[in-house]
Amino acid sequence: MLAGCTVRPHEVLVQSAHDAGFEQRYFITPVFTLFGLYRPALNGQAKVLRVYIEGDGRAWLSRSRASLDPTPHNPVALRLALADPASTDAVLYLARPCQYVQREQRRNCAVRYWTDARLSFEVIAALNHAVDEARAEARAQQVALTGFSGGGGAAVLMAAQRQDVIFLGSVAGNLDTDAWTDLLGVSPLHASCNPIDSAASLAHIPQRHYSSRHDTVMPPAVSAGFCQRSGQPRNCRAVDGVEHNGAWQEVWDYTYP
């Protein structure tokens, strides 16, 4: 009886988002089914679709044991999306593959897609597929991409494949996977693309990348090389007092060009 009365974290998340004007979405892409939350523009048609991409979630249970479900316990990108004050733009929260999905929706959910292949070609293609679908629903012409942690790296790789991105942002972003794995002393992500390799090609896009000196998971050193290579070092800012899964929505600048 008690089990039957238990409210799942997923249901709490959806209810909180619904209270903020978001509607649940499932994006069926060729490889994955992705979970998202969508808030339309107040006037019904948006010029810009603002996208917030979730981090790696609960990818590992320990240093050597991968999780069977990467759904985050503390969805930072969702908090960023819920706090977005935009009224004339549409807003999309987009989970990474295999987060917040159950049963038949977990097709192709191999552990590699939240460990070694978390930023693989098929992952980035699926995320862009979902953005295309949401942009069409919003009738938006342009896209602003912001990602948290590994979602920041995903945002970079997505932008490198798109022609409609007017802004690229990250908070505690993994913008250089080689620098990150070297720093933590873990195995390289051989099945993933490295975001820093796309930095030079994105120099024309306005950007903003936040990191924290109090973040031991993704310290400023991880994004420093990307900021230099993209030619926008002034748009990378290191703050104090925010831990990796902290209240980034309280320091993030929601103004876009």
C-alpha atoms as a PDB file:
ATOM      1  CA  MET A   1       0.000   0.000   0.000  1.00  0.00           C
ATOM      2  CA  LEU A   2       2.819   2.395   0.833  1.00  0.00           C
ATOM      3  CA  ALA A   3       4.515   1.644  -2.483  1.00  0.00           C
ATOM      4  CA  GLY A   4       1.297   2.487  -4.281  1.00  0.00           C
ATOM      5  CA  CYS A   5       1.260   5.938  -2.680  1.00  0.00           C
ATOM      6  CA  THR A   6       4.861   6.777  -3.467  1.00  0.00           C
ATOM      7  CA  VAL A   7       5.393   9.763  -5.762  1.00  0.00           C
ATOM      8  CA  ARG A   8       8.246   9.202  -8.189  1.00  0.00           C
ATOM      9  CA  PRO A   9      10.860  11.949  -8.693  1.00  0.00           C
ATOM     10  CA  HIS A  10       9.840  12.067 -12.365  1.00  0.00           C
ATOM     11  CA  GLU A  11       6.268  12.967 -11.390  1.00  0.00           C
ATOM     12  CA  VAL A  12       7.478  15.691  -9.028  1.00  0.00           C
ATOM     13  CA  LEU A  13       9.662  17.128 -11.786  1.00  0.00           C
ATOM     14  CA  VAL A  14       6.823  17.175 -14.309  1.00  0.00           C
ATOM     15  CA  GLN A  15       4.430  18.789 -11.816  1.00  0.00           C
ATOM     16  CA  SER A  16       6.949  21.514 -10.923  1.00  0.00           C
ATOM     17  CA  ALA A  17       7.530  22.227 -14.590  1.00  0.00           C
ATOM     18  CA  HIS A  18       3.802  22.231 -15.316  1.00  0.00           C
ATOM     19  CA  ASP A  19       3.290  24.819 -12.575  1.00  0.00           C
ATOM     20  CA  ALA A  20       5.866  26.990 -14.402  1.00  0.00           C
ATOM     21  CA  GLY A  21       4.057  26.689 -17.739  1.00  0.00           C
ATOM     22  CA  PHE A  22       5.990  23.761 -19.226  1.00  0.00           C
ATOM     23  CA  GLU A  23       4.481  20.741 -20.952  1.00  0.00           C
ATOM     24  CA  GLN A  24       6.005  17.282 -21.115  1.00  0.00           C
ATOM     25  CA  ARG A  25       7.388  16.114 -24.456  1.00  0.00           C
ATOM     26  CA  TYR A  26       8.912  12.897 -25.776  1.00  0.00           C
ATOM     27  CA  PHE A  27      11.007  13.227 -28.917  1.00  0.00           C
ATOM     28  CA  ILE A  28      11.236  10.015 -30.923  1.00  0.00           C
ATOM     29  CA  THR A  29      14.538  10.185 -32.804  1.00  0.00           C
ATOM     30  CA  PRO A  30      16.020   7.451 -35.014  1.00  0.00           C
ATOM     31  CA  VAL A  31      18.126   6.054 -32.146  1.00  0.00           C
ATOM     32  CA  PHE A  32      16.705   7.308 -28.826  1.00  0.00           C
ATOM     33  CA  THR A  33      13.507   8.573 -27.270  1.00  0.00           C
ATOM     34  CA  LEU A  34      14.388  11.823 -25.498  1.00  0.00           C
ATOM     35  CA  PHE A  35      12.488  13.432 -22.637  1.00  0.00           C
ATOM     36  CA  GLY A  36      11.858  17.160 -22.676  1.00  0.00           C
ATOM     37  CA  LEU A  37       9.779  19.948 -21.180  1.00  0.00           C
ATOM     38  CA  TYR A  38       8.528  22.732 -23.429  1.00  0.00           C
ATOM     39  CA  ARG A  39       7.156  26.198 -22.681  1.00  0.00           C
ATOM     40  CA  PRO A  40       5.696  28.124 -25.652  1.00  0.00           C
ATOM     41  CA  ALA A  41       6.062  31.850 -26.141  1.00  0.00           C
ATOM     42  CA  LEU A  42       3.228  33.928 -24.730  1.00  0.00           C
ATOM     43  CA  ASN A  43       2.269  35.283 -28.133  1.00  0.00           C
ATOM     44  CA  GLY A  44       2.184  31.806 -29.691  1.00  0.00           C
ATOM     45  CA  GLN A  45       5.074  32.303 -32.092  1.00  0.00           C
ATOM     46  CA  ALA A  46       8.655  32.664 -30.923  1.00  0.00           C
ATOM     47  CA  LYS A  47      11.562  34.274 -32.695  1.00  0.00           C
ATOM     48  CA  VAL A  48      14.011  32.202 -30.658  1.00  0.00           C
ATOM     49  CA  LEU A  49      13.874  28.748 -29.081  1.00  0.00           C
ATOM     50  CA  ARG A  50      15.956  28.746 -25.887  1.00  0.00           C
ATOM     51  CA  VAL A  51      17.284  25.249 -25.195  1.00  0.00           C
ATOM     52  CA  TYR A  52      18.737  23.980 -21.909  1.00  0.00           C
ATOM     53  CA  ILE A  53      20.578  20.657 -22.152  1.00  0.00           C
ATOM     54  CA  GLU A  54      20.986  18.491 -19.071  1.00  0.00           C
ATOM     55  CA  GLY A  55      24.294  17.228 -17.712  1.00  0.00           C
ATOM     56  CA  ASP A  56      25.547  13.649 -17.597  1.00  0.00           C
ATOM     57  CA  GLY A  57      23.286  12.854 -14.669  1.00  0.00           C
ATOM     58  CA  ARG A  58      23.947   9.802 -12.527  1.00  0.00           C
ATOM     59  CA  ALA A  59      26.369   8.229 -14.980  1.00  0.00           C
ATOM     60  CA  TRP A  60      28.502   6.439 -12.385  1.00  0.00           C
ATOM     61  CA  LEU A  61      27.750   4.880  -8.987  1.00  0.00           C
ATOM     62  CA  SER A  62      31.442   4.768  -8.134  1.00  0.00           C
ATOM     63  CA  ARG A  63      34.737   5.365  -9.891  1.00  0.00           C
ATOM     64  CA  SER A  64      34.585   1.881 -11.442  1.00  0.00           C
ATOM     65  CA  ARG A  65      30.853   1.075 -11.502  1.00  0.00           C
ATOM     66  CA  ALA A  66      28.521   2.621 -14.064  1.00  0.00           C
ATOM     67  CA  SER A  67      24.908   3.390 -13.236  1.00  0.00           C
ATOM     68  CA  LEU A  68      22.071   1.532 -14.942  1.00  0.00           C
ATOM     69  CA  ASP A  69      19.992   4.723 -15.092  1.00  0.00           C
ATOM     70  CA  PRO A  70      21.618   8.117 -15.821  1.00  0.00           C
ATOM     71  CA  THR A  71      18.595  10.159 -14.731  1.00  0.00           C
ATOM     72  CA  PRO A  72      19.940  13.042 -12.611  1.00  0.00           C
ATOM     73  CA  HIS A  73      18.944  13.391  -8.979  1.00  0.00           C
ATOM     74  CA  ASN A  74      19.688  17.113  -9.167  1.00  0.00           C
ATOM     75  CA  PRO A  75      18.741  18.433 -12.642  1.00  0.00           C
ATOM     76  CA  VAL A  76      20.682  21.698 -12.855  1.00  0.00           C
ATOM     77  CA  ALA A  77      19.694  22.426 -16.456  1.00  0.00           C
ATOM     78  CA  LEU A  78      16.042  22.105 -15.490  1.00  0.00           C
ATOM     79  CA  ARG A  79      16.471  24.756 -12.813  1.00  0.00           C
ATOM     80  CA  LEU A  80      18.102  26.985 -15.432  1.00  0.00           C
ATOM     81  CA  ALA A  81      15.143  26.472 -17.768  1.00  0.00           C
ATOM     82  CA  LEU A  82      12.508  27.075 -15.096  1.00  0.00           C
ATOM     83  CA  ALA A  83      14.192  30.337 -14.097  1.00  0.00           C
ATOM     84  CA  ASP A  84      14.370  31.681 -17.654  1.00  0.00           C
ATOM     85  CA  PRO A  85      12.317  34.909 -17.643  1.00  0.00           C
ATOM     86  CA  ALA A  86      11.710  34.988 -21.404  1.00  0.00           C
ATOM     87  CA  SER A  87       8.122  35.606 -22.435  1.00  0.00           C
ATOM     88  CA  THR A  88       8.411  36.187 -26.179  1.00  0.00           C
ATOM     89  CA  ASP A  89      10.767  33.213 -26.690  1.00  0.00           C
ATOM     90  CA  ALA A  90       9.950  29.522 -26.362  1.00  0.00           C
ATOM     91  CA  VAL A  91      11.949  27.464 -23.845  1.00  0.00           C
ATOM     92  CA  LEU A  92      12.922  23.797 -24.087  1.00  0.00           C
ATOM     93  CA  TYR A  93      14.489  21.659 -21.373  1.00  0.00           C
ATOM     94  CA  LEU A  94      16.119  18.661 -23.035  1.00  0.00           C
ATOM     95  CA  ALA A  95      17.322  15.609 -21.132  1.00  0.00           C
ATOM     96  CA  ARG A  96      20.202  13.515 -22.407  1.00  0.00           C
ATOM     97  CA  PRO A  97      19.621  10.039 -23.877  1.00  0.00           C
ATOM     98  CA  CYS A  98      18.093   7.514 -21.436  1.00  0.00           C
ATOM     99  CA  GLN A  99      17.277  10.080 -18.741  1.00  0.00           C
ATOM    100  CA  TYR A 100      13.665  10.140 -17.467  1.00  0.00           C
ATOM    101  CA  VAL A 101      12.509   7.354 -19.787  1.00  0.00           C
ATOM    102  CA  GLN A 102      11.067   3.949 -18.905  1.00  0.00           C
ATOM    103  CA  ARG A 103      10.335   0.575 -20.498  1.00  0.00           C
ATOM    104  CA  GLU A 104      10.003   0.735 -24.297  1.00  0.00           C
ATOM    105  CA  GLN A 105      11.240   4.327 -24.278  1.00  0.00           C
ATOM    106  CA  ARG A 106      14.648   3.024 -23.173  1.00  0.00           C
ATOM    107  CA  ARG A 107      15.421   1.593 -26.606  1.00  0.00           C
ATOM    108  CA  ASN A 108      19.138   1.512 -27.404  1.00  0.00           C
ATOM    109  CA  CYS A 109      19.966   2.558 -23.832  1.00  0.00           C
ATOM    110  CA  ALA A 110      23.343   0.892 -23.590  1.00  0.00           C
ATOM    111  CA  VAL A 111      25.575   2.036 -20.721  1.00  0.00           C
ATOM    112  CA  ARG A 112      28.123   3.364 -23.203  1.00  0.00           C
ATOM    113  CA  TYR A 113      25.793   6.257 -24.051  1.00  0.00           C
ATOM    114  CA  TRP A 114      26.257   7.842 -20.627  1.00  0.00           C
ATOM    115  CA  THR A 115      29.873   6.778 -20.152  1.00  0.00           C
ATOM    116  CA  ASP A 116      32.401   6.485 -22.990  1.00  0.00           C
ATOM    117  CA  ALA A 117      30.015   7.483 -25.827  1.00  0.00           C
ATOM    118  CA  ARG A 118      28.139  10.242 -23.981  1.00  0.00           C
ATOM    119  CA  LEU A 119      29.109  12.766 -26.701  1.00  0.00           C
ATOM    120  CA  SER A 120      29.071  10.410 -29.677  1.00  0.00           C
ATOM    121  CA  PHE A 121      27.783  11.291 -33.151  1.00  0.00           C
ATOM    122  CA  GLU A 122      24.486   9.478 -32.571  1.00  0.00           C
ATOM    123  CA  VAL A 123      23.880  11.274 -29.262  1.00  0.00           C
ATOM    124  CA  ILE A 124      24.436  14.706 -30.818  1.00  0.00           C
ATOM    125  CA  ALA A 125      22.262  13.796 -33.809  1.00  0.00           C
ATOM    126  CA  ALA A 126      19.418  12.788 -31.479  1.00  0.00           C
ATOM    127  CA  LEU A 127      19.620  16.030 -29.506  1.00  0.00           C
ATOM    128  CA  ASN A 128      19.577  18.089 -32.700  1.00  0.00           C
ATOM    129  CA  HIS A 129      16.616  16.063 -33.974  1.00  0.00           C
ATOM    130  CA  ALA A 130      14.660  17.015 -30.846  1.00  0.00           C
ATOM    131  CA  VAL A 131      15.626  20.683 -31.194  1.00  0.00           C
ATOM    132  CA  ASP A 132      14.483  20.684 -34.819  1.00  0.00           C
ATOM    133  CA  GLU A 133      11.098  19.286 -33.779  1.00  0.00           C
ATOM    134  CA  ALA A 134      10.660  21.796 -30.961  1.00  0.00           C
ATOM    135  CA  ARG A 135      11.772  24.700 -33.142  1.00  0.00           C
ATOM    136  CA  ALA A 136       9.153  23.755 -35.722  1.00  0.00           C
ATOM    137  CA  GLU A 137       6.463  23.653 -33.031  1.00  0.00           C
ATOM    138  CA  ALA A 138       7.556  27.050 -31.727  1.00  0.00           C
ATOM    139  CA  ARG A 139       7.762  28.406 -35.290  1.00  0.00           C
ATOM    140  CA  ALA A 140      11.080  29.920 -34.244  1.00  0.00           C
ATOM    141  CA  GLN A 141      13.748  30.952 -36.723  1.00  0.00           C
ATOM    142  CA  GLN A 142      16.728  30.843 -34.353  1.00  0.00           C
ATOM    143  CA  VAL A 143      18.067  28.750 -31.485  1.00  0.00           C
ATOM    144  CA  ALA A 144      19.981  29.629 -28.303  1.00  0.00           C
ATOM    145  CA  LEU A 145      21.807  26.633 -26.817  1.00  0.00           C
ATOM    146  CA  THR A 146      22.899  26.413 -23.177  1.00  0.00           C
ATOM    147  CA  GLY A 147      24.162  23.250 -21.499  1.00  0.00           C
ATOM    148  CA  PHE A 148      25.173  22.160 -18.024  1.00  0.00           C
ATOM    149  CA  SER A 149      28.317  20.074 -17.455  1.00  0.00           C
ATOM    150  CA  GLY A 150      28.394  17.394 -20.181  1.00  0.00           C
ATOM    151  CA  GLY A 151      25.379  19.137 -21.671  1.00  0.00           C
ATOM    152  CA  GLY A 152      27.646  22.133 -22.263  1.00  0.00           C
ATOM    153  CA  GLY A 153      29.898  19.969 -24.401  1.00  0.00           C
ATOM    154  CA  ALA A 154      26.833  18.635 -26.190  1.00  0.00           C
ATOM    155  CA  ALA A 155      25.663  22.201 -26.897  1.00  0.00           C
ATOM    156  CA  VAL A 156      29.016  22.974 -28.532  1.00  0.00           C
ATOM    157  CA  LEU A 157      28.868  19.890 -30.744  1.00  0.00           C
ATOM    158  CA  MET A 158      25.241  20.603 -31.651  1.00  0.00           C
ATOM    159  CA  ALA A 159      26.060  24.185 -32.609  1.00  0.00           C
ATOM    160  CA  ALA A 160      28.847  22.957 -34.877  1.00  0.00           C
ATOM    161  CA  GLN A 161      26.210  21.105 -36.938  1.00  0.00           C
ATOM    162  CA  ARG A 162      23.599  23.863 -37.081  1.00  0.00           C
ATOM    163  CA  GLN A 163      23.138  27.110 -39.030  1.00  0.00           C
ATOM    164  CA  ASP A 164      20.458  28.665 -36.800  1.00  0.00           C
ATOM    165  CA  VAL A 165      22.343  29.155 -33.515  1.00  0.00           C
ATOM    166  CA  ILE A 166      22.525  32.788 -32.332  1.00  0.00           C
ATOM    167  CA  PHE A 167      23.918  32.052 -28.869  1.00  0.00           C
ATOM    168  CA  LEU A 168      26.014  29.315 -27.254  1.00  0.00           C
ATOM    169  CA  GLY A 169      26.365  29.019 -23.483  1.00  0.00           C
ATOM    170  CA  SER A 170      27.454  26.630 -20.779  1.00  0.00           C
ATOM    171  CA  VAL A 171      27.613  26.415 -17.008  1.00  0.00           C
ATOM    172  CA  ALA A 172      30.315  24.143 -15.557  1.00  0.00           C
ATOM    173  CA  GLY A 173      30.637  22.882 -19.112  1.00  0.00           C
ATOM    174  CA  ASN A 174      32.801  19.974 -20.184  1.00  0.00           C
ATOM    175  CA  LEU A 175      34.232  21.820 -23.169  1.00  0.00           C
ATOM    176  CA  ASP A 176      37.421  19.754 -23.409  1.00  0.00           C
ATOM    177  CA  THR A 177      36.932  16.075 -22.619  1.00  0.00           C
ATOM    178  CA  ASP A 178      40.658  15.274 -22.854  1.00  0.00           C
ATOM    179  CA  ALA A 179      41.546  18.003 -20.352  1.00  0.00           C
ATOM    180  CA  TRP A 180      38.780  16.759 -18.062  1.00  0.00           C
ATOM    181  CA  THR A 181      39.761  13.089 -18.079  1.00  0.00           C
ATOM    182  CA  ASP A 182      43.421  14.044 -17.590  1.00  0.00           C
ATOM    183  CA  LEU A 183      42.486  16.243 -14.639  1.00  0.00           C
ATOM    184  CA  LEU A 184      40.419  13.515 -12.971  1.00  0.00           C
ATOM    185  CA  GLY A 185      42.788  10.720 -13.903  1.00  0.00           C
ATOM    186  CA  VAL A 186      40.113   8.629 -15.613  1.00  0.00           C
ATOM    187  CA  SER A 187      39.979   6.856 -18.972  1.00  0.00           C
ATOM    188  CA  PRO A 188      39.573   9.089 -22.064  1.00  0.00           C
ATOM    189  CA  LEU A 189      36.164   9.208 -23.738  1.00  0.00           C
ATOM    190  CA  HIS A 190      37.362   7.482 -26.912  1.00  0.00           C
ATOM    191  CA  ALA A 191      33.843   6.993 -28.310  1.00  0.00           C
ATOM    192  CA  SER A 192      32.935  10.674 -27.885  1.00  0.00           C
ATOM    193  CA  CYS A 193      33.718  13.804 -29.861  1.00  0.00           C
ATOM    194  CA  ASN A 194      35.779  16.435 -28.058  1.00  0.00           C
ATOM    195  CA  PRO A 195      34.005  19.830 -28.032  1.00  0.00           C
ATOM    196  CA  ILE A 196      37.257  21.805 -28.116  1.00  0.00           C
ATOM    197  CA  ASP A 197      37.898  20.520 -31.636  1.00  0.00           C
ATOM    198  CA  SER A 198      34.917  22.619 -32.802  1.00  0.00           C
ATOM    199  CA  ALA A 199      35.929  25.791 -30.959  1.00  0.00           C
ATOM    200  CA  ALA A 200      37.543  27.640 -33.865  1.00  0.00           C
ATOM    201  CA  SER A 201      34.587  26.993 -36.192  1.00  0.00           C
ATOM    202  CA  LEU A 202      32.196  28.577 -33.666  1.00  0.00           C
ATOM    203  CA  ALA A 203      34.113  31.817 -33.113  1.00  0.00           C
ATOM    204  CA  HIS A 204      31.443  33.799 -34.997  1.00  0.00           C
ATOM    205  CA  ILE A 205      28.667  32.842 -32.545  1.00  0.00           C
ATOM    206  CA  PRO A 206      28.136  34.996 -29.420  1.00  0.00           C
ATOM    207  CA  GLN A 207      29.000  32.873 -26.388  1.00  0.00           C
ATOM    208  CA  ARG A 208      29.026  32.849 -22.595  1.00  0.00           C
ATOM    209  CA  HIS A 209      30.655  30.109 -20.515  1.00  0.00           C
ATOM    210  CA  TYR A 210      30.525  30.090 -16.708  1.00  0.00           C
ATOM    211  CA  SER A 211      32.680  27.971 -14.409  1.00  0.00           C
ATOM    212  CA  SER A 212      33.321  28.079 -10.673  1.00  0.00           C
ATOM    213  CA  ARG A 213      36.502  28.105  -8.618  1.00  0.00           C
ATOM    214  CA  HIS A 214      34.611  26.032  -6.046  1.00  0.00           C
ATOM    215  CA  ASP A 215      33.697  23.327  -8.562  1.00  0.00           C
ATOM    216  CA  THR A 216      35.892  20.266  -8.003  1.00  0.00           C
ATOM    217  CA  VAL A 217      34.153  18.243 -10.740  1.00  0.00           C
ATOM    218  CA  MET A 218      34.504  20.705 -13.632  1.00  0.00           C
ATOM    219  CA  PRO A 219      36.902  23.489 -12.555  1.00  0.00           C
ATOM    220  CA  PRO A 220      37.686  26.519 -14.773  1.00  0.00           C
ATOM    221  CA  ALA A 221      40.770  24.786 -16.204  1.00  0.00           C
ATOM    222  CA  VAL A 222      38.499  22.439 -18.187  1.00  0.00           C
ATOM    223  CA  SER A 223      36.955  25.254 -20.264  1.00  0.00           C
ATOM    224  CA  ALA A 224      39.955  27.607 -20.374  1.00  0.00           C
ATOM    225  CA  GLY A 225      41.453  26.098 -23.522  1.00  0.00           C
ATOM    226  CA  PHE A 226      38.112  26.200 -25.339  1.00  0.00           C
ATOM    227  CA  CYS A 227      37.652  29.869 -24.494  1.00  0.00           C
ATOM    228  CA  GLN A 228      41.055  30.710 -25.913  1.00  0.00           C
ATOM    229  CA  ARG A 229      40.621  28.640 -29.062  1.00  0.00           C
ATOM    230  CA  SER A 230      37.174  30.091 -29.775  1.00  0.00           C
ATOM    231  CA  GLY A 231      38.667  33.579 -29.693  1.00  0.00           C
ATOM    232  CA  GLN A 232      36.272  34.719 -26.962  1.00  0.00           C
ATOM    233  CA  PRO A 233      38.225  34.551 -23.681  1.00  0.00           C
ATOM    234  CA  ARG A 234      36.363  37.583 -22.293  1.00  0.00           C
ATOM    235  CA  ASN A 235      33.090  35.683 -22.577  1.00  0.00           C
ATOM    236  CA  CYS A 236      34.303  32.982 -20.198  1.00  0.00           C
ATOM    237  CA  ARG A 237      33.772  33.836 -16.553  1.00  0.00           C
ATOM    238  CA  ALA A 238      34.930  32.061 -13.390  1.00  0.00           C
ATOM    239  CA  VAL A 239      32.741  32.725 -10.357  1.00  0.00           C
ATOM    240  CA  ASP A 240      33.121  31.896  -6.673  1.00  0.00           C
ATOM    241  CA  GLY A 241      30.910  30.014  -4.271  1.00  0.00           C
ATOM    242  CA  VAL A 242      29.028  27.709  -6.657  1.00  0.00           C
ATOM    243  CA  GLU A 243      29.566  23.960  -6.437  1.00  0.00           C
ATOM    244  CA  HIS A 244      29.140  21.733  -9.479  1.00  0.00           C
ATOM    245  CA  ASN A 245      25.457  20.966  -8.840  1.00  0.00           C
ATOM    246  CA  GLY A 246      24.834  24.310  -7.182  1.00  0.00           C
ATOM    247  CA  ALA A 247      22.393  27.142  -7.824  1.00  0.00           C
ATOM    248  CA  TRP A 248      23.685  28.181 -11.230  1.00  0.00           C
ATOM    249  CA  GLN A 249      20.321  29.738 -12.061  1.00  0.00           C
ATOM    250  CA  GLU A 250      21.115  32.443  -9.503  1.00  0.00           C
ATOM    251  CA  VAL A 251      24.304  33.589 -11.253  1.00  0.00           C
ATOM    252  CA  TRP A 252      23.509  32.872 -14.910  1.00  0.00           C
ATOM    253  CA  ASP A 253      22.947  35.866 -17.195  1.00  0.00           C
ATOM    254  CA  TYR A 254      19.756  35.250 -19.178  1.00  0.00           C
ATOM    255  CA  THR A 255      20.256  38.152 -21.582  1.00  0.00           C
ATOM    256  CA  TYR A 256      21.177  37.058 -25.103  1.00  0.00           C
ATOM    257  CA  PRO A 257      22.361  39.146 -28.058  1.00  0.00           C
END
